[in-house]
PDB file of N, CA and C in Angstrom:
ATOM      1  N   MET A   1     126.220  39.229 109.359  1.00  0.00           N
ATOM      2  CA  MET A   1     127.233  38.862 108.342  1.00  0.00           C
ATOM      3  C   MET A   1     127.377  40.395 107.405  1.00  0.00           C
ATOM      4  N   LEU A   2     126.756  40.983 107.174  1.00  0.00           N
ATOM      5  CA  LEU A   2     127.201  42.448 106.744  1.00  0.00           C
ATOM      6  C   LEU A   2     128.187  43.293 107.172  1.00  0.00           C
ATOM      7  N   MET A   3     128.424  43.269 108.266  1.00  0.00           N
ATOM      8  CA  MET A   3     129.282  43.858 109.461  1.00  0.00           C
ATOM      9  C   MET A   3     130.985  43.235 108.711  1.00  0.00           C
ATOM     10  N   SER A   4     130.684  41.892 108.127  1.00  0.00           N
ATOM     11  CA  SER A   4     132.020  41.694 107.712  1.00  0.00           C
ATOM     12  C   SER A   4     132.177  41.816 107.289  1.00  0.00           C
ATOM     13  N   ARG A   5     131.523  42.318 105.989  1.00  0.00           N
ATOM     14  CA  ARG A   5     131.819  42.655 104.734  1.00  0.00           C
ATOM     15  C   ARG A   5     132.297  43.473 104.716  1.00  0.00           C
ATOM     16  N   LYS A   6     132.245  44.723 105.864  1.00  0.00           N
ATOM     17  CA  LYS A   6     132.292  45.948 106.195  1.00  0.00           C
ATOM     18  C   LYS A   6     133.778  46.131 107.065  1.00  0.00           C
ATOM     19  N   VAL A   7     134.058  44.838 107.358  1.00  0.00           N
ATOM     20  CA  VAL A   7     136.030  44.398 108.235  1.00  0.00           C
ATOM     21  C   VAL A   7     137.288  44.973 106.980  1.00  0.00           C
ATOM     22  N   ILE A   8     137.801  46.041 107.515  1.00  0.00           N
ATOM     23  CA  ILE A   8     139.598  46.634 106.539  1.00  0.00           C
ATOM     24  C   ILE A   8     140.432  46.982 107.363  1.00  0.00           C
ATOM     25  N   ALA A   9     141.347  45.723 106.983  1.00  0.00           N
ATOM     26  CA  ALA A   9     142.586  45.945 107.071  1.00  0.00           C
ATOM     27  C   ALA A   9     143.594  47.182 107.132  1.00  0.00           C
ATOM     28  N   ILE A  10     143.870  47.567 107.768  1.00  0.00           N
ATOM     29  CA  ILE A  10     144.645  48.765 108.257  1.00  0.00           C
ATOM     30  C   ILE A  10     146.216  48.444 107.830  1.00  0.00           C
ATOM     31  N   ILE A  11     147.750  48.241 107.256  1.00  0.00           N
ATOM     32  CA  ILE A  11     149.088  47.943 107.126  1.00  0.00           C
ATOM     33  C   ILE A  11     149.382  49.150 107.264  1.00  0.00           C
ATOM     34  N   ASP A  12     150.226  49.629 108.592  1.00  0.00           N
ATOM     35  CA  ASP A  12     151.578  50.191 108.060  1.00  0.00           C
ATOM     36  C   ASP A  12     152.626  50.555 108.917  1.00  0.00           C
ATOM     37  N   ASP A  13     153.674  50.632 109.120  1.00  0.00           N
ATOM     38  CA  ASP A  13     154.571  50.055 109.573  1.00  0.00           C
ATOM     39  C   ASP A  13     155.477  51.546 110.052  1.00  0.00           C
ATOM     40  N   ASP A  14     154.388  52.584 110.500  1.00  0.00           N
ATOM     41  CA  ASP A  14     154.082  53.981 111.741  1.00  0.00           C
ATOM     42  C   ASP A  14     152.607  53.832 112.720  1.00  0.00           C
ATOM     43  N   LEU A  15     152.760  53.171 113.813  1.00  0.00           N
ATOM     44  CA  LEU A  15     152.219  53.103 114.723  1.00  0.00           C
ATOM     45  C   LEU A  15     151.036  54.160 114.411  1.00  0.00           C
ATOM     46  N   ASP A  16     151.445  55.256 115.103  1.00  0.00           N
ATOM     47  CA  ASP A  16     150.826  56.418 114.755  1.00  0.00           C
ATOM     48  C   ASP A  16     149.742  56.450 113.591  1.00  0.00           C
ATOM     49  N   VAL A  17     150.317  56.977 112.502  1.00  0.00           N
ATOM     50  CA  VAL A  17     148.946  56.476 111.110  1.00  0.00           C
ATOM     51  C   VAL A  17     149.025  55.139 111.344  1.00  0.00           C
ATOM     52  N   LEU A  18     148.604  54.185 111.659  1.00  0.00           N
ATOM     53  CA  LEU A  18     147.514  52.692 111.895  1.00  0.00           C
ATOM     54  C   LEU A  18     146.704  54.085 112.660  1.00  0.00           C
ATOM     55  N   ALA A  19     147.421  53.988 114.120  1.00  0.00           N
ATOM     56  CA  ALA A  19     146.718  54.342 115.464  1.00  0.00           C
ATOM     57  C   ALA A  19     145.193  55.105 114.287  1.00  0.00           C
ATOM     58  N   ALA A  20     145.677  55.988 113.714  1.00  0.00           N
ATOM     59  CA  ALA A  20     145.015  57.252 113.344  1.00  0.00           C
ATOM     60  C   ALA A  20     144.180  56.952 111.989  1.00  0.00           C
ATOM     61  N   VAL A  21     144.367  56.108 110.915  1.00  0.00           N
ATOM     62  CA  VAL A  21     143.802  55.744 110.268  1.00  0.00           C
ATOM     63  C   VAL A  21     142.645  55.182 110.895  1.00  0.00           C
ATOM     64  N   GLU A  22     143.363  53.860 111.554  1.00  0.00           N
ATOM     65  CA  GLU A  22     142.460  52.725 112.439  1.00  0.00           C
ATOM     66  C   GLU A  22     140.529  53.343 113.078  1.00  0.00           C
ATOM     67  N   ARG A  23     141.090  55.062 113.899  1.00  0.00           N
ATOM     68  CA  ARG A  23     140.651  56.385 114.250  1.00  0.00           C
ATOM     69  C   ARG A  23     139.017  56.697 113.414  1.00  0.00           C
ATOM     70  N   LEU A  24     139.735  57.288 112.501  1.00  0.00           N
ATOM     71  CA  LEU A  24     139.481  57.229 111.009  1.00  0.00           C
ATOM     72  C   LEU A  24     138.517  56.533 110.678  1.00  0.00           C
ATOM     73  N   LEU A  25     138.946  55.746 110.131  1.00  0.00           N
ATOM     74  CA  LEU A  25     137.446  54.132 109.471  1.00  0.00           C
ATOM     75  C   LEU A  25     136.747  54.286 110.941  1.00  0.00           C
ATOM     76  N   SER A  26     137.108  53.429 111.588  1.00  0.00           N
ATOM     77  CA  SER A  26     136.159  53.281 113.264  1.00  0.00           C
ATOM     78  C   SER A  26     135.493  54.474 113.246  1.00  0.00           C
ATOM     79  N   SER A  27     135.823  55.957 112.542  1.00  0.00           N
ATOM     80  CA  SER A  27     134.450  56.827 112.574  1.00  0.00           C
ATOM     81  C   SER A  27     133.441  57.359 111.322  1.00  0.00           C
ATOM     82  N   LEU A  28     134.304  56.154 110.550  1.00  0.00           N
ATOM     83  CA  LEU A  28     132.916  55.927 109.913  1.00  0.00           C
ATOM     84  C   LEU A  28     132.610  55.095 109.233  1.00  0.00           C
ATOM     85  N   GLY A  29     132.547  54.220 110.725  1.00  0.00           N
ATOM     86  CA  GLY A  29     130.742  53.182 110.376  1.00  0.00           C
ATOM     87  C   GLY A  29     132.182  51.574 109.517  1.00  0.00           C
ATOM     88  N   TYR A  30     133.524  51.726 109.918  1.00  0.00           N
ATOM     89  CA  TYR A  30     133.986  50.442 109.211  1.00  0.00           C
ATOM     90  C   TYR A  30     134.285  49.518 110.731  1.00  0.00           C
ATOM     91  N   LYS A  31     134.817  48.923 110.637  1.00  0.00           N
ATOM     92  CA  LYS A  31     135.304  47.225 111.649  1.00  0.00           C
ATOM     93  C   LYS A  31     137.104  47.310 110.580  1.00  0.00           C
ATOM     94  N   THR A  32     137.764  47.645 111.781  1.00  0.00           N
ATOM     95  CA  THR A  32     139.088  46.750 111.353  1.00  0.00           C
ATOM     96  C   THR A  32     140.245  46.276 112.133  1.00  0.00           C
ATOM     97  N   GLU A  33     140.621  45.885 111.424  1.00  0.00           N
ATOM     98  CA  GLU A  33     142.028  45.075 111.884  1.00  0.00           C
ATOM     99  C   GLU A  33     143.388  45.273 110.957  1.00  0.00           C
ATOM    100  N   CYS A  34     144.220  45.886 112.351  1.00  0.00           N
ATOM    101  CA  CYS A  34     145.318  46.626 111.993  1.00  0.00           C
ATOM    102  C   CYS A  34     146.693  46.072 112.085  1.00  0.00           C
ATOM    103  N   TYR A  35     147.633  46.153 111.329  1.00  0.00           N
ATOM    104  CA  TYR A  35     148.593  45.138 111.118  1.00  0.00           C
ATOM    105  C   TYR A  35     150.098  46.125 110.709  1.00  0.00           C
ATOM    106  N   ALA A  36     150.990  45.625 111.560  1.00  0.00           N
ATOM    107  CA  ALA A  36     151.792  46.870 111.273  1.00  0.00           C
ATOM    108  C   ALA A  36     152.903  46.089 110.661  1.00  0.00           C
ATOM    109  N   SER A  37     152.751  45.333 109.950  1.00  0.00           N
ATOM    110  CA  SER A  37     153.964  45.357 108.528  1.00  0.00           C
ATOM    111  C   SER A  37     153.021  44.544 107.822  1.00  0.00           C
ATOM    112  N   ALA A  38     153.547  44.563 106.809  1.00  0.00           N
ATOM    113  CA  ALA A  38     153.230  43.407 105.325  1.00  0.00           C
ATOM    114  C   ALA A  38     153.142  41.823 105.718  1.00  0.00           C
ATOM    115  N   SER A  39     154.172  41.004 106.756  1.00  0.00           N
ATOM    116  CA  SER A  39     154.727  39.460 106.684  1.00  0.00           C
ATOM    117  C   SER A  39     153.282  39.235 107.666  1.00  0.00           C
ATOM    118  N   GLU A  40     153.629  40.318 108.382  1.00  0.00           N
ATOM    119  CA  GLU A  40     152.171  40.504 109.567  1.00  0.00           C
ATOM    120  C   GLU A  40     150.615  40.225 109.067  1.00  0.00           C
ATOM    121  N   PHE A  41     150.307  41.043 108.219  1.00  0.00           N
ATOM    122  CA  PHE A  41     149.450  40.545 107.587  1.00  0.00           C
ATOM    123  C   PHE A  41     148.198  39.130 106.981  1.00  0.00           C
ATOM    124  N   ILE A  42     150.126  39.046 105.985  1.00  0.00           N
ATOM    125  CA  ILE A  42     150.623  37.550 105.299  1.00  0.00           C
ATOM    126  C   ILE A  42     150.004  36.275 105.998  1.00  0.00           C
ATOM    127  N   ASP A  43     151.026  36.329 107.447  1.00  0.00           N
ATOM    128  CA  ASP A  43     150.861  35.631 107.821  1.00  0.00           C
ATOM    129  C   ASP A  43     149.074  35.276 108.895  1.00  0.00           C
ATOM    130  N   ALA A  44     148.761  36.375 109.577  1.00  0.00           N
ATOM    131  CA  ALA A  44     147.602  35.844 109.703  1.00  0.00           C
ATOM    132  C   ALA A  44     145.862  36.102 108.305  1.00  0.00           C
ATOM    133  N   VAL A  45     146.039  36.478 107.264  1.00  0.00           N
ATOM    134  CA  VAL A  45     145.665  36.325 106.002  1.00  0.00           C
ATOM    135  C   VAL A  45     144.377  35.250 105.758  1.00  0.00           C
ATOM    136  N   MET A  46     144.689  33.739 106.415  1.00  0.00           N
ATOM    137  CA  MET A  46     144.037  33.160 106.199  1.00  0.00           C
ATOM    138  C   MET A  46     142.332  33.193 107.814  1.00  0.00           C
ATOM    139  N   THR A  47     143.450  34.049 108.416  1.00  0.00           N
ATOM    140  CA  THR A  47     142.167  34.445 109.471  1.00  0.00           C
ATOM    141  C   THR A  47     141.205  35.392 109.501  1.00  0.00           C
ATOM    142  N   SER A  48     141.652  36.788 108.831  1.00  0.00           N
ATOM    143  CA  SER A  48     141.526  37.779 108.277  1.00  0.00           C
ATOM    144  C   SER A  48     139.631  37.638 108.079  1.00  0.00           C
ATOM    145  N   GLU A  49     139.000  39.071 108.120  1.00  0.00           N
ATOM    146  CA  GLU A  49     138.131  39.338 107.828  1.00  0.00           C
ATOM    147  C   GLU A  49     137.647  40.415 106.884  1.00  0.00           C
ATOM    148  N   ALA A  50     138.771  40.505 106.567  1.00  0.00           N
ATOM    149  CA  ALA A  50     138.769  42.061 105.628  1.00  0.00           C
ATOM    150  C   ALA A  50     138.309  42.117 104.437  1.00  0.00           C
ATOM    151  N   SER A  51     137.480  42.719 104.095  1.00  0.00           N
ATOM    152  CA  SER A  51     137.218  42.748 102.635  1.00  0.00           C
ATOM    153  C   SER A  51     137.982  43.709 101.724  1.00  0.00           C
ATOM    154  N   CYS A  52     139.173  45.062 102.161  1.00  0.00           N
ATOM    155  CA  CYS A  52     139.272  45.925 101.671  1.00  0.00           C
ATOM    156  C   CYS A  52     140.898  45.902 102.050  1.00  0.00           C
ATOM    157  N   LEU A  53     141.667  46.774 102.066  1.00  0.00           N
ATOM    158  CA  LEU A  53     143.318  46.351 102.617  1.00  0.00           C
ATOM    159  C   LEU A  53     143.110  48.083 102.325  1.00  0.00           C
ATOM    160  N   VAL A  54     143.633  48.820 103.207  1.00  0.00           N
ATOM    161  CA  VAL A  54     144.116  50.083 102.970  1.00  0.00           C
ATOM    162  C   VAL A  54     145.909  49.975 103.639  1.00  0.00           C
ATOM    163  N   SER A  55     146.858  50.082 102.712  1.00  0.00           N
ATOM    164  CA  SER A  55     147.777  50.044 103.199  1.00  0.00           C
ATOM    165  C   SER A  55     149.031  51.269 102.798  1.00  0.00           C
ATOM    166  N   ASP A  56     149.770  51.289 103.257  1.00  0.00           N
ATOM    167  CA  ASP A  56     151.507  51.929 103.513  1.00  0.00           C
ATOM    168  C   ASP A  56     151.954  51.768 101.677  1.00  0.00           C
ATOM    169  N   VAL A  57     152.194  52.245 100.846  1.00  0.00           N
ATOM    170  CA  VAL A  57     153.147  51.801  99.608  1.00  0.00           C
ATOM    171  C   VAL A  57     154.574  50.968 100.228  1.00  0.00           C
ATOM    172  N   ASN A  58     155.079  51.465 101.654  1.00  0.00           N
ATOM    173  CA  ASN A  58     156.223  51.780 101.968  1.00  0.00           C
ATOM    174  C   ASN A  58     156.169  51.294 103.078  1.00  0.00           C
ATOM    175  N   LEU A  59     156.920  49.499 102.887  1.00  0.00           N
ATOM    176  CA  LEU A  59     156.461  48.915 104.442  1.00  0.00           C
ATOM    177  C   LEU A  59     157.817  47.939 104.780  1.00  0.00           C
ATOM    178  N   GLY A  60     159.347  49.104 104.900  1.00  0.00           N
ATOM    179  CA  GLY A  60     160.007  48.254 105.138  1.00  0.00           C
ATOM    180  C   GLY A  60     161.000  47.894 103.900  1.00  0.00           C
ATOM    181  N   ASP A  61     160.914  46.141 105.063  1.00  0.00           N
ATOM    182  CA  ASP A  61     161.436  45.044 103.298  1.00  0.00           C
ATOM    183  C   ASP A  61     160.502  45.576 102.123  1.00  0.00           C
ATOM    184  N   ILE A  62     159.967  45.297 102.388  1.00  0.00           N
ATOM    185  CA  ILE A  62     158.258  44.581 101.631  1.00  0.00           C
ATOM    186  C   ILE A  62     157.830  46.206 100.690  1.00  0.00           C
ATOM    187  N   THR A  63     157.210  46.657  99.164  1.00  0.00           N
ATOM    188  CA  THR A  63     156.327  47.290  99.699  1.00  0.00           C
ATOM    189  C   THR A  63     154.914  47.315  99.610  1.00  0.00           C
ATOM    190  N   GLY A  64     154.140  47.669  99.614  1.00  0.00           N
ATOM    191  CA  GLY A  64     152.490  47.574  99.250  1.00  0.00           C
ATOM    192  C   GLY A  64     152.098  46.824  97.951  1.00  0.00           C
ATOM    193  N   VAL A  65     152.831  47.074  96.662  1.00  0.00           N
ATOM    194  CA  VAL A  65     152.974  46.506  95.677  1.00  0.00           C
ATOM    195  C   VAL A  65     153.380  44.747  96.086  1.00  0.00           C
ATOM    196  N   GLU A  66     154.314  45.056  96.098  1.00  0.00           N
ATOM    197  CA  GLU A  66     154.540  43.281  95.896  1.00  0.00           C
ATOM    198  C   GLU A  66     154.335  42.567  97.568  1.00  0.00           C
ATOM    199  N   MET A  67     153.908  43.238  98.707  1.00  0.00           N
ATOM    200  CA  MET A  67     152.697  42.605  99.843  1.00  0.00           C
ATOM    201  C   MET A  67     152.159  41.932  98.952  1.00  0.00           C
ATOM    202  N   GLY A  68     150.801  42.790  98.006  1.00  0.00           N
ATOM    203  CA  GLY A  68     149.848  42.435  97.087  1.00  0.00           C
ATOM    204  C   GLY A  68     150.200  41.196  95.945  1.00  0.00           C
ATOM    205  N   ARG A  69     151.075  41.647  95.463  1.00  0.00           N
ATOM    206  CA  ARG A  69     151.779  40.579  94.595  1.00  0.00           C
ATOM    207  C   ARG A  69     151.597  39.259  95.324  1.00  0.00           C
ATOM    208  N   HIS A  70     152.040  39.244  96.119  1.00  0.00           N
ATOM    209  CA  HIS A  70     152.381  38.141  97.334  1.00  0.00           C
ATOM    210  C   HIS A  70     150.548  36.827  97.761  1.00  0.00           C
ATOM    211  N   LEU A  71     149.934  38.523  98.269  1.00  0.00           N
ATOM    212  CA  LEU A  71     149.179  37.357  97.781  1.00  0.00           C
ATOM    213  C   LEU A  71     148.460  37.285  96.860  1.00  0.00           C
ATOM    214  N   SER A  72     148.096  38.075  95.898  1.00  0.00           N
ATOM    215  CA  SER A  72     147.443  37.277  94.742  1.00  0.00           C
ATOM    216  C   SER A  72     148.266  36.506  94.780  1.00  0.00           C
ATOM    217  N   ALA A  73     149.344  35.601  95.330  1.00  0.00           N
ATOM    218  CA  ALA A  73     150.268  34.532  94.898  1.00  0.00           C
ATOM    219  C   ALA A  73     149.927  33.666  95.675  1.00  0.00           C
ATOM    220  N   LEU A  74     149.379  33.915  96.646  1.00  0.00           N
ATOM    221  CA  LEU A  74     148.552  32.258  97.911  1.00  0.00           C
ATOM    222  C   LEU A  74     147.167  32.749  97.121  1.00  0.00           C
ATOM    223  N   GLY A  75     146.865  33.246  95.890  1.00  0.00           N
ATOM    224  CA  GLY A  75     144.983  33.074  96.019  1.00  0.00           C
ATOM    225  C   GLY A  75     143.948  34.378  96.656  1.00  0.00           C
ATOM    226  N   TYR A  76     144.932  34.704  97.139  1.00  0.00           N
ATOM    227  CA  TYR A  76     143.551  35.547  97.993  1.00  0.00           C
ATOM    228  C   TYR A  76     144.369  37.209  96.896  1.00  0.00           C
ATOM    229  N   THR A  77     142.324  37.833  96.422  1.00  0.00           N
ATOM    230  CA  THR A  77     142.706  38.933  96.089  1.00  0.00           C
ATOM    231  C   THR A  77     141.633  39.992  97.015  1.00  0.00           C
ATOM    232  N   PHE A  78     142.142  41.500  97.087  1.00  0.00           N
ATOM    233  CA  PHE A  78     141.024  42.370  97.603  1.00  0.00           C
ATOM    234  C   PHE A  78     141.162  43.455  96.816  1.00  0.00           C
ATOM    235  N   PRO A  79     140.478  43.968  97.205  1.00  0.00           N
ATOM    236  CA  PRO A  79     140.561  45.774  96.269  1.00  0.00           C
ATOM    237  C   PRO A  79     141.062  46.535  97.523  1.00  0.00           C
ATOM    238  N   VAL A  80     142.655  47.215  97.072  1.00  0.00           N
ATOM    239  CA  VAL A  80     143.544  47.782  98.049  1.00  0.00           C
ATOM    240  C   VAL A  80     143.314  49.102  97.784  1.00  0.00           C
ATOM    241  N   ILE A  81     143.842  50.172  99.325  1.00  0.00           N
ATOM    242  CA  ILE A  81     143.785  51.193  98.869  1.00  0.00           C
ATOM    243  C   ILE A  81     145.117  51.826  99.353  1.00  0.00           C
ATOM    244  N   PHE A  82     146.186  52.284  98.204  1.00  0.00           N
ATOM    245  CA  PHE A  82     147.906  52.161  98.935  1.00  0.00           C
ATOM    246  C   PHE A  82     147.356  54.391  99.448  1.00  0.00           C
ATOM    247  N   MET A  83     148.073  54.199 100.516  1.00  0.00           N
ATOM    248  CA  MET A  83     148.217  55.406 101.089  1.00  0.00           C
ATOM    249  C   MET A  83     150.244  55.734 101.171  1.00  0.00           C
ATOM    250  N   THR A  84     150.283  56.941 100.829  1.00  0.00           N
ATOM    251  CA  THR A  84     151.964  57.342 101.350  1.00  0.00           C
ATOM    252  C   THR A  84     152.136  58.456 101.506  1.00  0.00           C
ATOM    253  N   GLY A  85     153.126  58.492 101.988  1.00  0.00           N
ATOM    254  CA  GLY A  85     153.997  59.739 102.976  1.00  0.00           C
ATOM    255  C   GLY A  85     155.196  60.598 101.639  1.00  0.00           C
ATOM    256  N   SER A  86     155.800  59.516 100.630  1.00  0.00           N
ATOM    257  CA  SER A  86     156.538  59.897  99.476  1.00  0.00           C
ATOM    258  C   SER A  86     155.721  59.523  98.058  1.00  0.00           C
ATOM    259  N   ASP A  87     154.965  60.277  97.273  1.00  0.00           N
ATOM    260  CA  ASP A  87     155.465  60.186  95.760  1.00  0.00           C
ATOM    261  C   ASP A  87     155.983  59.164  95.440  1.00  0.00           C
ATOM    262  N   ASP A  88     156.775  58.958  95.686  1.00  0.00           N
ATOM    263  CA  ASP A  88     157.358  58.137  94.442  1.00  0.00           C
ATOM    264  C   ASP A  88     156.852  57.642  92.789  1.00  0.00           C
ATOM    265  N   PRO A  89     157.312  58.232  91.864  1.00  0.00           N
ATOM    266  CA  PRO A  89     156.976  57.551  90.974  1.00  0.00           C
ATOM    267  C   PRO A  89     156.585  56.366  90.161  1.00  0.00           C
ATOM    268  N   MET A  90     157.582  55.763  90.471  1.00  0.00           N
ATOM    269  CA  MET A  90     157.816  54.707  90.230  1.00  0.00           C
ATOM    270  C   MET A  90     156.959  53.579  90.666  1.00  0.00           C
ATOM    271  N   LEU A  91     156.576  53.568  92.086  1.00  0.00           N
ATOM    272  CA  LEU A  91     155.535  53.280  92.975  1.00  0.00           C
ATOM    273  C   LEU A  91     154.596  53.159  93.006  1.00  0.00           C
ATOM    274  N   ARG A  92     154.414  54.012  92.226  1.00  0.00           N
ATOM    275  CA  ARG A  92     152.879  54.881  91.861  1.00  0.00           C
ATOM    276  C   ARG A  92     152.125  54.242  90.722  1.00  0.00           C
ATOM    277  N   LYS A  93     153.274  53.676  89.571  1.00  0.00           N
ATOM    278  CA  LYS A  93     152.382  53.429  88.670  1.00  0.00           C
ATOM    279  C   LYS A  93     152.700  52.391  89.048  1.00  0.00           C
ATOM    280  N   GLN A  94     153.361  51.522  89.270  1.00  0.00           N
ATOM    281  CA  GLN A  94     153.217  49.834  89.657  1.00  0.00           C
ATOM    282  C   GLN A  94     152.093  49.440  90.706  1.00  0.00           C
ATOM    283  N   ALA A  95     151.653  50.893  91.361  1.00  0.00           N
ATOM    284  CA  ALA A  95     150.110  50.385  91.955  1.00  0.00           C
ATOM    285  C   ALA A  95     149.282  50.771  91.529  1.00  0.00           C
ATOM    286  N   MET A  96     149.481  51.664  90.603  1.00  0.00           N
ATOM    287  CA  MET A  96     147.737  52.277  89.560  1.00  0.00           C
ATOM    288  C   MET A  96     148.228  50.632  88.624  1.00  0.00           C
ATOM    289  N   GLU A  97     149.399  49.811  88.214  1.00  0.00           N
ATOM    290  CA  GLU A  97     149.215  48.776  87.294  1.00  0.00           C
ATOM    291  C   GLU A  97     149.093  47.580  87.533  1.00  0.00           C
ATOM    292  N   PHE A  98     149.292  47.676  89.269  1.00  0.00           N
ATOM    293  CA  PHE A  98     148.197  46.194  90.179  1.00  0.00           C
ATOM    294  C   PHE A  98     147.200  46.415  89.699  1.00  0.00           C
ATOM    295  N   GLY A  99     146.566  47.596  90.196  1.00  0.00           N
ATOM    296  CA  GLY A  99     144.390  47.580  89.937  1.00  0.00           C
ATOM    297  C   GLY A  99     143.754  47.818  91.509  1.00  0.00           C
ATOM    298  N   CYS A 100     144.704  49.359  91.724  1.00  0.00           N
ATOM    299  CA  CYS A 100     144.629  49.524  93.577  1.00  0.00           C
ATOM    300  C   CYS A 100     143.471  50.352  92.891  1.00  0.00           C
ATOM    301  N   VAL A 101     142.420  50.592  93.754  1.00  0.00           N
ATOM    302  CA  VAL A 101     140.683  51.269  93.842  1.00  0.00           C
ATOM    303  C   VAL A 101     141.596  52.587  93.423  1.00  0.00           C
ATOM    304  N   ALA A 102     142.536  53.076  94.533  1.00  0.00           N
ATOM    305  CA  ALA A 102     142.538  54.819  95.062  1.00  0.00           C
ATOM    306  C   ALA A 102     144.357  54.327  95.157  1.00  0.00           C
ATOM    307  N   TYR A 103     145.168  55.547  95.069  1.00  0.00           N
ATOM    308  CA  TYR A 103     146.585  55.830  95.933  1.00  0.00           C
ATOM    309  C   TYR A 103     146.363  57.147  96.353  1.00  0.00           C
ATOM    310  N   LEU A 104     146.606  57.413  97.605  1.00  0.00           N
ATOM    311  CA  LEU A 104     146.226  58.539  98.696  1.00  0.00           C
ATOM    312  C   LEU A 104     147.745  59.292  99.012  1.00  0.00           C
ATOM    313  N   PRO A 105     148.154  60.207  98.872  1.00  0.00           N
ATOM    314  CA  PRO A 105     149.036  60.295  99.332  1.00  0.00           C
ATOM    315  C   PRO A 105     148.748  61.247 100.797  1.00  0.00           C
ATOM    316  N   LYS A 106     149.827  61.405 102.196  1.00  0.00           N
ATOM    317  CA  LYS A 106     149.389  61.254 103.538  1.00  0.00           C
ATOM    318  C   LYS A 106     149.932  63.300 103.305  1.00  0.00           C
ATOM    319  N   PRO A 107     148.812  63.925 104.430  1.00  0.00           N
ATOM    320  CA  PRO A 107     147.879  63.247 105.247  1.00  0.00           C
ATOM    321  C   PRO A 107     146.394  63.603 103.539  1.00  0.00           C
ATOM    322  N   PHE A 108     145.776  62.454 103.489  1.00  0.00           N
ATOM    323  CA  PHE A 108     144.101  62.322 103.533  1.00  0.00           C
ATOM    324  C   PHE A 108     144.077  63.439 103.736  1.00  0.00           C
ATOM    325  N   LYS A 109     142.128  63.787 102.396  1.00  0.00           N
ATOM    326  CA  LYS A 109     141.237  64.084 103.594  1.00  0.00           C
ATOM    327  C   LYS A 109     140.181  62.947 104.272  1.00  0.00           C
ATOM    328  N   ARG A 110     139.414  63.388 105.004  1.00  0.00           N
ATOM    329  CA  ARG A 110     138.687  62.129 105.168  1.00  0.00           C
ATOM    330  C   ARG A 110     137.367  61.970 104.087  1.00  0.00           C
ATOM    331  N   ASP A 111     136.887  62.549 103.690  1.00  0.00           N
ATOM    332  CA  ASP A 111     136.654  62.256 101.519  1.00  0.00           C
ATOM    333  C   ASP A 111     136.874  61.504 100.533  1.00  0.00           C
ATOM    334  N   GLN A 112     138.067  61.855 100.956  1.00  0.00           N
ATOM    335  CA  GLN A 112     139.185  60.572 100.145  1.00  0.00           C
ATOM    336  C   GLN A 112     139.252  59.134 100.546  1.00  0.00           C
ATOM    337  N   ILE A 113     138.776  59.200 101.626  1.00  0.00           N
ATOM    338  CA  ILE A 113     139.455  57.788 102.247  1.00  0.00           C
ATOM    339  C   ILE A 113     137.683  56.907 102.090  1.00  0.00           C
ATOM    340  N   ALA A 114     136.422  58.129 102.235  1.00  0.00           N
ATOM    341  CA  ALA A 114     135.176  57.252 102.180  1.00  0.00           C
ATOM    342  C   ALA A 114     135.191  57.099 101.238  1.00  0.00           C
ATOM    343  N   THR A 115     135.168  58.355 100.072  1.00  0.00           N
ATOM    344  CA  THR A 115     134.696  58.130  98.384  1.00  0.00           C
ATOM    345  C   THR A 115     135.756  56.024  98.141  1.00  0.00           C
ATOM    346  N   ALA A 116     137.108  56.089  99.020  1.00  0.00           N
ATOM    347  CA  ALA A 116     137.939  54.856  97.626  1.00  0.00           C
ATOM    348  C   ALA A 116     137.539  53.957  98.531  1.00  0.00           C
ATOM    349  N   LEU A 117     136.818  54.429  99.779  1.00  0.00           N
ATOM    350  CA  LEU A 117     135.966  53.474 100.106  1.00  0.00           C
ATOM    351  C   LEU A 117     135.613  52.088  99.814  1.00  0.00           C
ATOM    352  N   THR A 118     133.860  53.187  99.970  1.00  0.00           N
ATOM    353  CA  THR A 118     133.191  52.790  99.387  1.00  0.00           C
ATOM    354  C   THR A 118     132.972  51.875  97.947  1.00  0.00           C
ATOM    355  N   LYS A 119     133.395  52.693  97.198  1.00  0.00           N
ATOM    356  CA  LYS A 119     134.061  51.766  95.884  1.00  0.00           C
ATOM    357  C   LYS A 119     134.624  51.326  95.637  1.00  0.00           C
ATOM    358  N   ALA A 120     136.225  50.420  96.692  1.00  0.00           N
ATOM    359  CA  ALA A 120     136.532  49.364  96.896  1.00  0.00           C
ATOM    360  C   ALA A 120     135.360  48.326  97.703  1.00  0.00           C
ATOM    361  N   VAL A 121     135.007  48.941  99.020  1.00  0.00           N
ATOM    362  CA  VAL A 121     133.427  47.620  99.660  1.00  0.00           C
ATOM    363  C   VAL A 121     133.054  47.026  98.587  1.00  0.00           C
ATOM    364  N   GLY A 122     132.162  48.221  97.081  1.00  0.00           N
ATOM    365  CA  GLY A 122     130.927  47.828  96.258  1.00  0.00           C
ATOM    366  C   GLY A 122     132.002  46.871  95.147  1.00  0.00           C
ATOM    367  N   GLN A 123     133.218  47.303  94.998  1.00  0.00           N
ATOM    368  CA  GLN A 123     133.621  45.788  94.257  1.00  0.00           C
ATOM    369  C   GLN A 123     134.326  44.968  94.628  1.00  0.00           C
ATOM    370  N   HIS A 124     134.221  44.575  96.291  1.00  0.00           N
ATOM    371  CA  HIS A 124     134.780  43.022  96.394  1.00  0.00           C
ATOM    372  C   HIS A 124     132.780  42.291  96.726  1.00  0.00           C
ATOM    373  N   LEU A 125     132.251  43.640  96.702  1.00  0.00           N
ATOM    374  CA  LEU A 125     130.367  43.052  97.224  1.00  0.00           C
ATOM    375  C   LEU A 125     130.404  42.031  95.708  1.00  0.00           C
ATOM    376  N   LYS A 126     130.769  42.468  95.088  1.00  0.00           N
ATOM    377  CA  LYS A 126     129.865  42.627  93.465  1.00  0.00           C
ATOM    378  C   LYS A 126     130.993  41.300  92.933  1.00  0.00           C
ATOM    379  N   ARG A 127     132.202  40.938  93.176  1.00  0.00           N
ATOM    380  CA  ARG A 127     132.759  39.789  93.734  1.00  0.00           C
ATOM    381  C   ARG A 127     132.180  38.518  94.124  1.00  0.00           C
ATOM    382  N   MET A 128     131.723  39.022  95.106  1.00  0.00           N
ATOM    383  CA  MET A 128     131.322  37.767  95.761  1.00  0.00           C
ATOM    384  C   MET A 128     130.174  37.302  95.099  1.00  0.00           C
ATOM    385  N   CYS A 129     129.420  38.094  94.528  1.00  0.00           N
ATOM    386  CA  CYS A 129     128.173  37.574  93.837  1.00  0.00           C
ATOM    387  C   CYS A 129     127.987  36.755  92.770  1.00  0.00           C
TER     388      CYS A 129
END
């Protein structure tokens, strides 16, 4: 049961980044679910064990923030860590207003994501109690 609380969904349309982030989170002791698009995660959300999302901001047709809003409208709330390869000030503002746990420029350091995940998983556990 405790391990299911440590499942992190990674959403990124760049498969190389998706694989790299998956390896990094696995090395930090997290179980992961990987999704190559926002729609792929939205389609799987009902069966997902994720307690937190690590999502690219730019996911092709939809932004990570739009995905988060869509999930919220469906009744799903997750702590979200956004990552981005291009720091668009408008997207950053939207992500912060959405309430993301962290907004990390790619490439980010191991300790940055580890700190953000500790905070995100802790937030989720508090909401579950």
